[in-house]
Each structure stands twice: as structure tokens, then as C-alpha cells.
């Protein structure tokens, strides 16, 4: 009976932690802050911001790389927070 009660308490704590992660915002950057990505504590993307000065129609590959780096940085921070 006591083991069941402990399991239920742990389940409640895990649910609370999951809710806290959902409400958390972590930011990753690339290009010296020219591109930022915001994710929740679970790593789900909420927003990507791009400084207009890095938008060059002739070089979209650079912008794609900056976005990827910013998102990966934010998701890494979320993963660290989860641990």
C-alpha cells in the first residue's frame, strides 16, 4: 500500500515537472544574435526571430544555417534543463 502511495506521489511530481517544462522559455542564438530561436522546456519551437540585415536573397543557404544553429542551441539548452 505504501509503495502504491509513493508511486502516485512520484507520478504527481513528474506531471508538475512536465507542466513547468511546457511553460519555460529558452533562447538559442546564432550569428552573434542575428538569429534567435525560442523553445519551451521540452524543446518545441515557439518562435524564430531573424534580423533583417541577414536576409540576402542571393544567399539563403547562410540564413538556413543560422536558423538551424539557433534552433539546435535552444533545444540543447532545453535538453540540459530537462536533466
Protein backbone atom coordinates (compact mmCIF):
# COMPACT_ATOMS: atom_id res chain seq x y z
CA UNK A 1 0.00 0.00 0.00
CA UNK A 2 2.83 2.36 0.90
CA UNK A 3 4.60 1.55 -2.37
CA UNK A 4 1.48 2.46 -4.33
CA UNK A 5 1.21 5.77 -2.47
CA UNK A 6 4.88 6.56 -3.23
CA UNK A 7 4.33 5.75 -6.90
CA UNK A 8 1.33 8.09 -7.03
CA UNK A 9 3.33 10.88 -5.37
CA UNK A 10 6.14 10.43 -7.87
CA UNK A 11 3.66 10.49 -10.74
CA UNK A 12 2.26 13.77 -9.41
CA UNK A 13 5.75 15.28 -9.18
CA UNK A 14 6.55 14.17 -12.73
CA UNK A 15 3.35 15.75 -14.03
CA UNK A 16 4.22 19.01 -12.28
CA UNK A 17 7.73 18.98 -13.77
CA UNK A 18 6.32 18.37 -17.26
CA UNK A 19 3.99 21.36 -16.85
CA UNK A 20 6.91 23.53 -15.70
CA UNK A 21 8.90 22.49 -18.78
CA UNK A 22 5.97 23.39 -21.05
CA UNK A 23 5.81 26.90 -19.57
CA UNK A 24 9.56 27.53 -19.66
CA UNK A 25 11.18 29.54 -22.48
CA UNK A 26 14.79 29.00 -23.54
CA UNK A 27 16.57 31.00 -26.24
CA UNK A 28 19.29 29.92 -28.65
CA UNK A 29 21.23 32.27 -30.89
CA UNK A 30 23.40 32.24 -34.00
CA UNK A 31 25.33 34.82 -35.96
CA UNK A 32 26.05 36.95 -32.92
CA UNK A 33 22.37 37.22 -32.08
CA UNK A 34 21.23 37.93 -35.62
CA UNK A 35 19.01 34.84 -35.46
CA UNK A 36 17.30 33.72 -32.25
CA UNK A 37 15.10 30.73 -31.59
CA UNK A 38 12.83 30.29 -28.60
CA UNK A 39 11.76 26.84 -27.43
CA UNK A 40 9.82 25.56 -24.46
CA UNK A 41 11.50 23.36 -21.86
CA UNK A 42 10.67 20.28 -23.91
CA UNK A 43 12.48 21.65 -26.97
CA UNK A 44 9.43 22.52 -29.05
CA UNK A 45 9.99 25.66 -31.16
CA UNK A 46 7.88 28.64 -30.18
CA UNK A 47 9.41 31.44 -32.23
CA UNK A 48 12.27 32.25 -34.59
CA UNK A 49 13.44 35.86 -34.96
CA UNK A 50 15.63 36.99 -37.85
CA UNK A 51 17.41 40.33 -38.07
CA UNK A 52 16.56 41.81 -41.50
CA UNK A 53 20.23 42.52 -42.15
CA UNK A 54 20.98 38.78 -42.58
CA UNK A 55 18.26 38.28 -45.19
CA UNK A 56 20.06 38.11 -48.51
CA UNK A 57 18.01 36.54 -51.32
CA UNK A 58 21.23 35.60 -53.10
CA UNK A 59 22.50 33.61 -50.08
CA UNK A 60 19.59 31.79 -48.49
CA UNK A 61 21.88 28.91 -47.50
CA UNK A 62 23.62 31.08 -44.90
CA UNK A 63 20.26 32.06 -43.39
CA UNK A 64 19.17 28.42 -43.31
CA UNK A 65 22.39 27.50 -41.48
CA UNK A 66 21.91 30.30 -38.94
CA UNK A 67 18.36 29.17 -38.23
CA UNK A 68 19.48 25.57 -37.78
CA UNK A 69 22.24 26.60 -35.37
CA UNK A 70 19.92 28.83 -33.32
CA UNK A 71 17.27 26.11 -33.05
CA UNK A 72 19.85 23.47 -32.11
CA UNK A 73 21.30 25.79 -29.46
CA UNK A 74 17.89 26.41 -27.91
CA UNK A 75 17.00 22.71 -27.99
CA UNK A 76 20.33 21.81 -26.36
CA UNK A 77 19.54 24.24 -23.54
CA UNK A 78 16.10 22.68 -23.14
CA UNK A 79 17.62 19.21 -23.01
CA UNK A 80 20.07 20.33 -20.31
CA UNK A 81 17.19 21.82 -18.32
CA UNK A 82 15.21 18.58 -18.59
CA UNK A 83 18.06 16.67 -17.00
